[in-house]
Amino acid sequence: MSHKHSWERYGGCKENPGVHSSGGSVVIATRCQCGAEKREDYWDHERNRPRKTPSVKVTESEGVAL
């Protein structure tokens, strides 16, 4: 089963939904109704500076093709 994900931010605070801090970095967490989750990390930990493009990690939910 495959579909176009409808990403919505979750967690964080009311002013910045989905925005989390991770040791100096900014991580934006979103999820789809199917249960898939996506995390975008905007900090390059090895170089201790912002990334030019975010590192994106998508975790698929059981039984859903991404």
N, C-alpha and C. Protein backbone atom coordinates (compact mmCIF):
# COMPACT_ATOMS: atom_id res chain seq x y z
N MET A 1 0.85 -1.18 0.00
CA MET A 1 0.00 0.00 0.00
C MET A 1 0.89 1.23 0.00
N SER A 2 0.70 2.11 -0.94
CA SER A 2 1.50 3.31 -1.04
C SER A 2 0.57 4.52 -1.17
N HIS A 3 0.98 5.62 -0.61
CA HIS A 3 0.18 6.84 -0.71
C HIS A 3 1.07 8.06 -0.56
N LYS A 4 0.56 9.21 -0.88
CA LYS A 4 1.28 10.47 -0.68
C LYS A 4 1.07 10.88 0.77
N HIS A 5 2.18 10.99 1.50
CA HIS A 5 2.07 11.34 2.91
C HIS A 5 1.57 12.76 3.12
N SER A 6 0.79 12.93 4.16
CA SER A 6 0.32 14.23 4.58
C SER A 6 1.01 14.52 5.92
N TRP A 7 2.18 15.18 5.86
CA TRP A 7 2.98 15.40 7.06
C TRP A 7 2.42 16.51 7.93
N GLU A 8 2.35 16.23 9.24
CA GLU A 8 1.92 17.22 10.23
C GLU A 8 2.94 17.26 11.35
N ARG A 9 3.31 18.45 11.80
CA ARG A 9 4.27 18.58 12.89
C ARG A 9 3.66 18.11 14.21
N TYR A 10 4.51 17.54 15.07
CA TYR A 10 4.04 17.14 16.40
C TYR A 10 5.13 17.41 17.43
N GLY A 11 4.70 17.53 18.67
CA GLY A 11 5.64 17.82 19.75
C GLY A 11 6.07 19.28 19.71
N GLY A 12 7.16 19.57 20.38
CA GLY A 12 7.63 20.95 20.44
C GLY A 12 6.76 21.78 21.36
N CYS A 13 6.73 23.08 21.12
CA CYS A 13 5.90 23.95 21.95
C CYS A 13 4.82 24.60 21.10
N LYS A 14 3.89 25.28 21.74
CA LYS A 14 2.76 25.88 21.05
C LYS A 14 3.20 26.87 19.96
N GLU A 15 4.25 27.66 20.26
CA GLU A 15 4.73 28.66 19.31
C GLU A 15 5.47 28.04 18.12
N ASN A 16 6.10 26.88 18.32
CA ASN A 16 6.88 26.20 17.29
C ASN A 16 6.56 24.71 17.26
N PRO A 17 5.38 24.32 16.80
CA PRO A 17 5.03 22.90 16.80
C PRO A 17 6.00 22.09 15.96
N GLY A 18 6.41 20.96 16.51
CA GLY A 18 7.29 20.05 15.80
C GLY A 18 8.76 20.38 15.90
N VAL A 19 9.11 21.53 16.48
CA VAL A 19 10.51 21.94 16.56
C VAL A 19 11.10 21.48 17.90
N HIS A 20 12.21 20.76 17.80
CA HIS A 20 12.89 20.22 18.97
C HIS A 20 14.35 20.64 18.92
N SER A 21 15.00 20.73 20.07
CA SER A 21 16.42 21.02 20.14
C SER A 21 17.14 19.73 20.45
N SER A 22 18.30 19.54 19.82
CA SER A 22 19.06 18.31 20.04
C SER A 22 20.53 18.66 20.18
N GLY A 23 20.93 19.15 21.33
CA GLY A 23 22.32 19.48 21.57
C GLY A 23 22.85 20.56 20.65
N GLY A 24 22.11 21.63 20.47
CA GLY A 24 22.54 22.73 19.62
C GLY A 24 21.89 22.72 18.25
N SER A 25 21.30 21.61 17.87
CA SER A 25 20.67 21.54 16.56
C SER A 25 19.18 21.82 16.64
N VAL A 26 18.59 22.00 15.49
CA VAL A 26 17.15 22.14 15.39
C VAL A 26 16.64 20.92 14.63
N VAL A 27 15.71 20.21 15.22
CA VAL A 27 15.11 19.03 14.61
C VAL A 27 13.61 19.29 14.48
N ILE A 28 13.07 19.06 13.28
CA ILE A 28 11.64 19.21 13.06
C ILE A 28 11.04 17.83 12.89
N ALA A 29 10.08 17.50 13.74
CA ALA A 29 9.44 16.18 13.73
C ALA A 29 8.04 16.29 13.13
N THR A 30 7.75 15.42 12.17
CA THR A 30 6.43 15.37 11.56
C THR A 30 6.00 13.92 11.45
N ARG A 31 4.70 13.71 11.32
CA ARG A 31 4.20 12.35 11.12
C ARG A 31 2.96 12.39 10.25
N CYS A 32 2.70 11.24 9.64
CA CYS A 32 1.56 11.07 8.76
C CYS A 32 0.49 10.28 9.51
N GLN A 33 -0.74 10.37 9.07
CA GLN A 33 -1.83 9.61 9.70
C GLN A 33 -1.58 8.11 9.64
N CYS A 34 -0.78 7.65 8.68
CA CYS A 34 -0.50 6.22 8.54
C CYS A 34 0.46 5.72 9.61
N GLY A 35 1.11 6.65 10.33
CA GLY A 35 2.04 6.27 11.37
C GLY A 35 3.50 6.50 11.00
N ALA A 36 3.79 6.80 9.73
CA ALA A 36 5.16 7.10 9.33
C ALA A 36 5.61 8.40 9.99
N GLU A 37 6.91 8.47 10.35
CA GLU A 37 7.45 9.66 10.98
C GLU A 37 8.65 10.16 10.20
N LYS A 38 8.83 11.48 10.20
CA LYS A 38 9.96 12.09 9.51
C LYS A 38 10.63 13.08 10.46
N ARG A 39 11.97 13.02 10.51
CA ARG A 39 12.75 13.95 11.33
C ARG A 39 13.76 14.64 10.43
N GLU A 40 13.74 15.98 10.46
CA GLU A 40 14.67 16.78 9.67
C GLU A 40 15.65 17.46 10.63
N ASP A 41 16.93 17.11 10.53
CA ASP A 41 17.97 17.66 11.40
C ASP A 41 18.73 18.73 10.63
N TYR A 42 18.72 19.94 11.16
CA TYR A 42 19.34 21.09 10.48
C TYR A 42 20.71 21.45 11.03
N TRP A 43 21.39 20.51 11.73
CA TRP A 43 22.70 20.81 12.30
C TRP A 43 23.68 19.72 11.93
N ASP A 44 24.89 20.11 11.49
CA ASP A 44 25.95 19.16 11.15
C ASP A 44 26.80 18.97 12.41
N HIS A 45 26.56 17.89 13.13
CA HIS A 45 27.24 17.66 14.40
C HIS A 45 28.74 17.47 14.24
N GLU A 46 29.18 16.84 13.15
CA GLU A 46 30.62 16.61 12.95
C GLU A 46 31.38 17.91 12.78
N ARG A 47 30.78 18.90 12.14
CA ARG A 47 31.45 20.18 11.89
C ARG A 47 30.97 21.28 12.83
N ASN A 48 29.99 20.97 13.67
CA ASN A 48 29.42 21.92 14.63
C ASN A 48 28.97 23.21 13.95
N ARG A 49 28.19 23.05 12.88
CA ARG A 49 27.63 24.21 12.17
C ARG A 49 26.35 23.78 11.45
N PRO A 50 25.55 24.76 11.04
CA PRO A 50 24.30 24.42 10.34
C PRO A 50 24.56 23.68 9.03
N ARG A 51 23.64 22.80 8.65
CA ARG A 51 23.73 22.10 7.37
C ARG A 51 23.20 23.01 6.26
N LYS A 52 23.73 22.81 5.05
CA LYS A 52 23.19 23.54 3.90
C LYS A 52 21.85 22.94 3.51
N THR A 53 21.71 21.64 3.65
CA THR A 53 20.43 20.96 3.45
C THR A 53 20.22 20.03 4.64
N PRO A 54 19.00 19.89 5.13
CA PRO A 54 18.77 19.08 6.32
C PRO A 54 19.01 17.60 6.08
N SER A 55 19.39 16.91 7.14
CA SER A 55 19.47 15.45 7.12
C SER A 55 18.07 14.96 7.43
N VAL A 56 17.48 14.17 6.53
CA VAL A 56 16.10 13.73 6.69
C VAL A 56 16.07 12.22 6.93
N LYS A 57 15.37 11.82 7.97
CA LYS A 57 15.20 10.40 8.28
C LYS A 57 13.71 10.10 8.34
N VAL A 58 13.25 9.17 7.50
CA VAL A 58 11.85 8.77 7.49
C VAL A 58 11.77 7.36 8.04
N THR A 59 10.91 7.17 9.02
CA THR A 59 10.67 5.85 9.59
C THR A 59 9.31 5.39 9.13
N GLU A 60 9.29 4.29 8.37
CA GLU A 60 8.01 3.84 7.85
C GLU A 60 7.25 3.06 8.90
N SER A 61 5.95 3.16 8.83
CA SER A 61 5.11 2.42 9.74
C SER A 61 4.92 1.01 9.20
N GLU A 62 4.54 0.12 10.05
CA GLU A 62 4.36 -1.28 9.67
C GLU A 62 3.31 -1.42 8.56
N GLY A 63 3.68 -2.06 7.48
CA GLY A 63 2.74 -2.35 6.41
C GLY A 63 2.51 -1.21 5.43
N VAL A 64 3.27 -0.11 5.55
CA VAL A 64 3.08 1.02 4.63
C VAL A 64 4.38 1.26 3.87
N ALA A 65 4.31 1.24 2.56
CA ALA A 65 5.48 1.54 1.73
C ALA A 65 5.63 3.04 1.61
N LEU A 66 6.85 3.52 1.71
CA LEU A 66 7.08 4.97 1.59
C LEU A 66 7.52 5.32 0.18
